[in-house]
Amino acid sequence: MTSTHMRVTLIAMLLAASCKQQAQPARQSGAGGVTEIAVTEKGFEPDRIQTAPGQQVTLRFTRKVAPTCADAVEVQGDPVRHMLPLNAPVDVKVTAPQSGQLAFACPMNMYRGAIVVVAQ
């Protein structure tokens, strides 16, 4: 491998590593079933919420940045696209499945998250 090829490969690896989104630990649904989710330049924070099977959960989304494709959120199985105005909390009520997870994402599916069901 030539020196130029090695440099290009190294630069590509460094760029890929720097662009990789850091995994966040899953957060338990909050008191009263309300979980605060911020929409930032990184996407949904947190992007994983743990809850018990069949539990009613309120996801409270607050968009904190103007330039983002996450100006709305779509929840798996919900036909409604929930618009997320800047700096205004929007509550989305969902019921966790009995097992597995329930996904949510921006309309372009670039930013994603999920409610993850855990045994209690």
C-alpha atoms as a PDB file:
ATOM      1  CA  MET A   1       0.000   0.000   0.000  1.00  0.00           C
ATOM      2  CA  THR A   2       1.416   3.393  -0.921  1.00  0.00           C
ATOM      3  CA  SER A   3       1.840   6.240   1.499  1.00  0.00           C
ATOM      4  CA  THR A   4      -0.993   8.175  -0.190  1.00  0.00           C
ATOM      5  CA  HIS A   5      -3.378   5.234   0.117  1.00  0.00           C
ATOM      6  CA  MET A   6      -2.476   4.823   3.770  1.00  0.00           C
ATOM      7  CA  ARG A   7      -3.159   8.510   4.450  1.00  0.00           C
ATOM      8  CA  VAL A   8      -6.509   8.405   2.660  1.00  0.00           C
ATOM      9  CA  THR A   9      -7.498   5.264   4.580  1.00  0.00           C
ATOM     10  CA  LEU A  10      -6.446   6.807   7.896  1.00  0.00           C
ATOM     11  CA  ILE A  11      -8.360  10.029   7.205  1.00  0.00           C
ATOM     12  CA  ALA A  12     -11.471   8.053   6.217  1.00  0.00           C
ATOM     13  CA  MET A  13     -11.271   6.009   9.427  1.00  0.00           C
ATOM     14  CA  LEU A  14     -10.850   9.127  11.556  1.00  0.00           C
ATOM     15  CA  LEU A  15     -13.801  10.852   9.876  1.00  0.00           C
ATOM     16  CA  ALA A  16     -16.005   7.801  10.334  1.00  0.00           C
ATOM     17  CA  ALA A  17     -15.067   7.553  14.014  1.00  0.00           C
ATOM     18  CA  SER A  18     -15.721  11.250  14.657  1.00  0.00           C
ATOM     19  CA  CYS A  19     -19.141  11.158  12.950  1.00  0.00           C
ATOM     20  CA  LYS A  20     -20.334   8.122  14.861  1.00  0.00           C
ATOM     21  CA  GLN A  21     -23.077   9.057  17.327  1.00  0.00           C
ATOM     22  CA  GLN A  22     -22.216   8.195  20.905  1.00  0.00           C
ATOM     23  CA  ALA A  23     -24.604   5.649  22.393  1.00  0.00           C
ATOM     24  CA  GLN A  24     -26.506   6.942  25.369  1.00  0.00           C
ATOM     25  CA  PRO A  25     -27.625   4.758  28.229  1.00  0.00           C
ATOM     26  CA  ALA A  26     -31.326   3.983  28.272  1.00  0.00           C
ATOM     27  CA  ARG A  27     -33.370   6.099  30.667  1.00  0.00           C
ATOM     28  CA  GLN A  28     -36.216   4.751  32.769  1.00  0.00           C
ATOM     29  CA  SER A  29     -39.554   6.443  32.164  1.00  0.00           C
ATOM     30  CA  GLY A  30     -39.977   9.253  34.679  1.00  0.00           C
ATOM     31  CA  ALA A  31     -42.373   9.814  37.545  1.00  0.00           C
ATOM     32  CA  GLY A  32     -45.970   9.693  36.414  1.00  0.00           C
ATOM     33  CA  GLY A  33     -44.846   8.080  33.179  1.00  0.00           C
ATOM     34  CA  VAL A  34     -43.469  11.350  31.713  1.00  0.00           C
ATOM     35  CA  THR A  35     -40.076  11.237  30.016  1.00  0.00           C
ATOM     36  CA  GLU A  36     -38.401  14.439  28.841  1.00  0.00           C
ATOM     37  CA  ILE A  37     -36.709  14.126  25.437  1.00  0.00           C
ATOM     38  CA  ALA A  38     -34.683  17.011  24.028  1.00  0.00           C
ATOM     39  CA  VAL A  39     -34.213  17.397  20.295  1.00  0.00           C
ATOM     40  CA  THR A  40     -30.673  18.702  19.811  1.00  0.00           C
ATOM     41  CA  GLU A  41     -28.058  18.787  17.070  1.00  0.00           C
ATOM     42  CA  LYS A  42     -27.299  15.168  18.097  1.00  0.00           C
ATOM     43  CA  GLY A  43     -30.910  14.034  17.659  1.00  0.00           C
ATOM     44  CA  PHE A  44     -33.196  12.704  20.400  1.00  0.00           C
ATOM     45  CA  GLU A  45     -31.658  12.850  23.890  1.00  0.00           C
ATOM     46  CA  PRO A  46     -32.173  10.333  25.357  1.00  0.00           C
ATOM     47  CA  ASP A  47     -32.901   8.088  22.419  1.00  0.00           C
ATOM     48  CA  ARG A  48     -33.742   5.009  24.530  1.00  0.00           C
ATOM     49  CA  ILE A  49     -36.399   4.874  27.260  1.00  0.00           C
ATOM     50  CA  GLN A  50     -36.921   1.746  29.324  1.00  0.00           C
ATOM     51  CA  THR A  51     -40.357   0.895  30.646  1.00  0.00           C
ATOM     52  CA  ALA A  52     -42.466  -2.014  31.855  1.00  0.00           C
ATOM     53  CA  PRO A  53     -44.639  -4.021  29.451  1.00  0.00           C
ATOM     54  CA  GLY A  54     -47.968  -2.368  28.624  1.00  0.00           C
ATOM     55  CA  GLN A  55     -47.188   0.801  30.598  1.00  0.00           C
ATOM     56  CA  GLN A  56     -48.693   4.130  29.508  1.00  0.00           C
ATOM     57  CA  VAL A  57     -45.818   6.553  28.814  1.00  0.00           C
ATOM     58  CA  THR A  58     -45.832  10.238  27.936  1.00  0.00           C
ATOM     59  CA  LEU A  59     -42.901  11.336  25.798  1.00  0.00           C
ATOM     60  CA  ARG A  60     -42.372  15.085  26.235  1.00  0.00           C
ATOM     61  CA  PHE A  61     -40.369  16.301  23.239  1.00  0.00           C
ATOM     62  CA  THR A  62     -38.776  19.759  23.299  1.00  0.00           C
ATOM     63  CA  ARG A  63     -36.936  20.874  20.170  1.00  0.00           C
ATOM     64  CA  LYS A  64     -33.962  23.005  21.244  1.00  0.00           C
ATOM     65  CA  VAL A  65     -32.386  23.713  17.834  1.00  0.00           C
ATOM     66  CA  ALA A  66     -33.836  25.405  14.773  1.00  0.00           C
ATOM     67  CA  PRO A  67     -31.872  23.783  11.931  1.00  0.00           C
ATOM     68  CA  THR A  68     -32.859  20.105  12.181  1.00  0.00           C
ATOM     69  CA  CYS A  69     -34.875  17.551  10.250  1.00  0.00           C
ATOM     70  CA  ALA A  70     -36.447  16.587  13.598  1.00  0.00           C
ATOM     71  CA  ASP A  71     -39.064  19.342  13.442  1.00  0.00           C
ATOM     72  CA  ALA A  72     -41.606  16.551  13.872  1.00  0.00           C
ATOM     73  CA  VAL A  73     -41.683  13.045  15.315  1.00  0.00           C
ATOM     74  CA  GLU A  74     -43.433   9.916  14.097  1.00  0.00           C
ATOM     75  CA  VAL A  75     -44.161   7.034  16.464  1.00  0.00           C
ATOM     76  CA  GLN A  76     -44.431   3.468  15.188  1.00  0.00           C
ATOM     77  CA  GLY A  77     -48.095   2.542  14.733  1.00  0.00           C
ATOM     78  CA  ASP A  78     -49.328   6.135  15.257  1.00  0.00           C
ATOM     79  CA  PRO A  79     -50.733   7.701  12.062  1.00  0.00           C
ATOM     80  CA  VAL A  80     -50.195  11.231  13.423  1.00  0.00           C
ATOM     81  CA  ARG A  81     -47.038  13.218  12.648  1.00  0.00           C
ATOM     82  CA  HIS A  82     -46.416  15.275  15.796  1.00  0.00           C
ATOM     83  CA  MET A  83     -44.988  18.696  14.908  1.00  0.00           C
ATOM     84  CA  LEU A  84     -42.263  19.958  17.267  1.00  0.00           C
ATOM     85  CA  PRO A  85     -42.196  23.777  17.443  1.00  0.00           C
ATOM     86  CA  LEU A  86     -38.963  25.337  18.684  1.00  0.00           C
ATOM     87  CA  ASN A  87     -38.665  25.500  22.513  1.00  0.00           C
ATOM     88  CA  ALA A  88     -42.233  24.306  23.138  1.00  0.00           C
ATOM     89  CA  PRO A  89     -42.843  20.937  24.837  1.00  0.00           C
ATOM     90  CA  VAL A  90     -45.083  18.505  22.967  1.00  0.00           C
ATOM     91  CA  ASP A  91     -46.535  15.503  24.803  1.00  0.00           C
ATOM     92  CA  VAL A  92     -47.001  12.250  22.901  1.00  0.00           C
ATOM     93  CA  LYS A  93     -48.840   9.537  24.836  1.00  0.00           C
ATOM     94  CA  VAL A  94     -48.077   5.922  23.944  1.00  0.00           C
ATOM     95  CA  THR A  95     -48.569   2.489  25.424  1.00  0.00           C
ATOM     96  CA  ALA A  96     -45.501   0.258  25.534  1.00  0.00           C
ATOM     97  CA  PRO A  97     -45.890  -3.134  23.855  1.00  0.00           C
ATOM     98  CA  GLN A  98     -45.814  -6.341  25.903  1.00  0.00           C
ATOM     99  CA  SER A  99     -42.300  -7.071  24.651  1.00  0.00           C
ATOM    100  CA  GLY A 100     -39.670  -5.648  22.326  1.00  0.00           C
ATOM    101  CA  GLN A 101     -39.666  -1.960  21.564  1.00  0.00           C
ATOM    102  CA  LEU A 102     -41.696   0.881  20.082  1.00  0.00           C
ATOM    103  CA  ALA A 103     -39.718   3.069  17.681  1.00  0.00           C
ATOM    104  CA  PHE A 104     -39.936   6.822  17.058  1.00  0.00           C
ATOM    105  CA  ALA A 105     -38.087   8.921  14.476  1.00  0.00           C
ATOM    106  CA  CYS A 106     -37.901  12.217  12.653  1.00  0.00           C
ATOM    107  CA  PRO A 107     -39.796  12.287   9.316  1.00  0.00           C
ATOM    108  CA  MET A 108     -36.557  11.664   7.361  1.00  0.00           C
ATOM    109  CA  ASN A 109     -35.688   8.729   9.681  1.00  0.00           C
ATOM    110  CA  MET A 110     -32.226  10.226  10.316  1.00  0.00           C
ATOM    111  CA  TYR A 111     -32.782  10.589  14.065  1.00  0.00           C
ATOM    112  CA  ARG A 112     -34.314   7.588  15.783  1.00  0.00           C
ATOM    113  CA  GLY A 113     -35.165   6.366  19.240  1.00  0.00           C
ATOM    114  CA  ALA A 114     -37.228   3.722  20.983  1.00  0.00           C
ATOM    115  CA  ILE A 115     -39.160   2.780  24.058  1.00  0.00           C
ATOM    116  CA  VAL A 116     -37.574  -0.479  25.179  1.00  0.00           C
ATOM    117  CA  VAL A 117     -39.650  -2.912  27.222  1.00  0.00           C
ATOM    118  CA  VAL A 118     -37.848  -4.492  30.180  1.00  0.00           C
ATOM    119  CA  ALA A 119     -39.152  -7.086  32.617  1.00  0.00           C
ATOM    120  CA  GLN A 120     -39.813  -5.676  36.081  1.00  0.00           C
END
